[in-house]
Protein backbone atom coordinates (compact mmCIF):
# COMPACT_ATOMS: atom_id res chain seq x y z
CA LEU A 1 -23.29 167.32 85.80
CA LYS A 2 -22.96 171.08 85.66
CA GLY A 3 -19.90 172.36 87.36
CA HIS A 4 -17.05 170.83 85.36
CA GLU A 5 -15.06 173.37 83.46
CA TYR A 6 -13.81 170.68 80.88
CA THR A 7 -15.27 167.78 79.22
CA ILE A 8 -16.15 164.89 81.60
CA SER A 9 -13.80 161.96 80.58
CA GLN A 10 -14.62 159.28 83.43
CA LEU A 11 -17.43 158.32 85.54
CA ALA A 12 -17.53 155.85 88.44
CA PHE A 13 -20.25 154.62 90.91
CA TYR A 14 -19.90 154.46 94.64
CA PRO A 15 -20.29 150.75 95.64
CA ASN A 16 -23.89 151.33 96.98
CA GLY A 17 -24.91 153.29 93.98
CA THR A 18 -25.85 156.63 95.91
CA ILE A 19 -22.69 158.62 94.71
CA LEU A 20 -21.17 159.14 91.18
CA ALA A 21 -17.64 160.34 90.59
CA SER A 22 -16.94 162.25 87.60
CA GLY A 23 -13.43 163.19 86.27
CA ASP A 24 -12.80 165.76 83.48
CA ALA A 25 -10.21 166.69 81.00
CA GLY A 26 -8.91 169.37 83.06
CA GLY A 27 -7.95 166.95 86.04
CA THR A 28 -10.88 167.88 88.25
CA ILE A 29 -12.88 165.17 89.97
CA ARG A 30 -16.33 165.70 91.48
CA LEU A 31 -18.74 163.51 93.70
CA TRP A 32 -22.36 163.86 93.07
CA ASP A 33 -25.42 162.87 95.04
CA ILE A 34 -27.40 160.51 92.56
CA SER A 35 -30.72 161.26 94.14
CA THR A 36 -30.39 165.19 94.01
CA GLY A 37 -27.81 165.85 91.27
CA LYS A 38 -25.97 168.03 94.03
CA SER A 39 -22.21 168.34 93.82
CA LEU A 40 -20.82 167.02 97.36
CA LYS A 41 -17.11 167.38 96.87
CA THR A 42 -14.34 168.26 94.58
CA PHE A 43 -10.80 166.81 94.20
CA ASN A 44 -8.27 168.59 92.18
CA THR A 45 -5.34 166.77 90.51
CA SER A 46 -2.29 168.39 89.16
CA GLY A 47 -3.37 168.39 85.54
CA GLY A 48 -4.08 166.16 82.68
CA TYR A 49 -7.33 164.60 81.88
CA VAL A 50 -8.70 161.97 84.29
CA SER A 51 -8.20 158.69 82.49
CA LYS A 52 -9.47 156.22 85.12
CA LEU A 53 -11.57 156.32 88.18
CA LEU A 54 -12.40 153.49 90.59
CA PHE A 55 -13.98 153.16 94.08
CA ALA A 56 -12.51 150.68 96.43
CA PRO A 57 -15.03 147.88 97.15
CA ASP A 58 -15.58 149.10 100.69
CA GLY A 59 -15.97 152.85 99.38
CA THR A 60 -13.11 154.28 101.76
CA THR A 61 -10.97 155.45 98.86
CA LEU A 62 -11.35 156.60 95.37
CA THR A 63 -8.39 156.13 92.87
CA SER A 64 -7.80 158.11 89.67
CA THR A 65 -5.08 158.24 87.03
CA ASN A 66 -4.14 161.09 84.72
CA SER A 67 -3.16 161.15 80.89
CA GLY A 68 -2.29 163.63 78.44
CA GLY A 69 -0.52 167.06 78.98
CA SER A 70 3.20 166.98 79.79
CA LEU A 71 5.41 165.62 82.32
CA GLN A 72 5.03 169.12 84.18
CA ASN A 73 1.33 168.02 84.81
CA HIS A 74 2.22 164.60 86.35
CA VAL A 75 1.15 162.48 83.28
CA GLY A 76 0.46 158.89 84.63
CA THR A 77 0.19 159.72 88.22
CA ILE A 78 -2.05 157.51 90.40
CA PHE A 79 -4.01 159.54 93.01
CA VAL A 80 -5.66 157.74 96.03
CA TRP A 81 -8.22 160.03 97.57
CA ASP A 82 -9.77 159.37 101.07
CA MET A 83 -13.43 159.40 100.99
CA PRO A 84 -15.09 161.85 103.16
CA SER A 85 -17.60 160.45 105.82
CA LYS A 86 -21.25 160.80 104.89
CA GLN A 87 -21.72 163.44 107.38
CA MET A 88 -19.10 165.60 105.58
CA LEU A 89 -20.87 164.93 102.33
CA LYS A 90 -24.28 166.45 103.36
């Protein structure tokens, strides 16, 4: 998973297993195509390492939480990300 600037702290698989989400210690989340290893999309949180990643069972959203850092970095914030359509991921 080349592309993260910081150490990867969390991984989560899309419900059908075709996409992997990875979150790093700098607050960046990337979506990866499992079959090609290609980075599909990047989400940027406001800081702090990604402490949890979870896809909704229907795959329409990805949730993440951040830990570490300071209050200035929105520690403990829950983010809900709309998943892009399959066409946007290609």
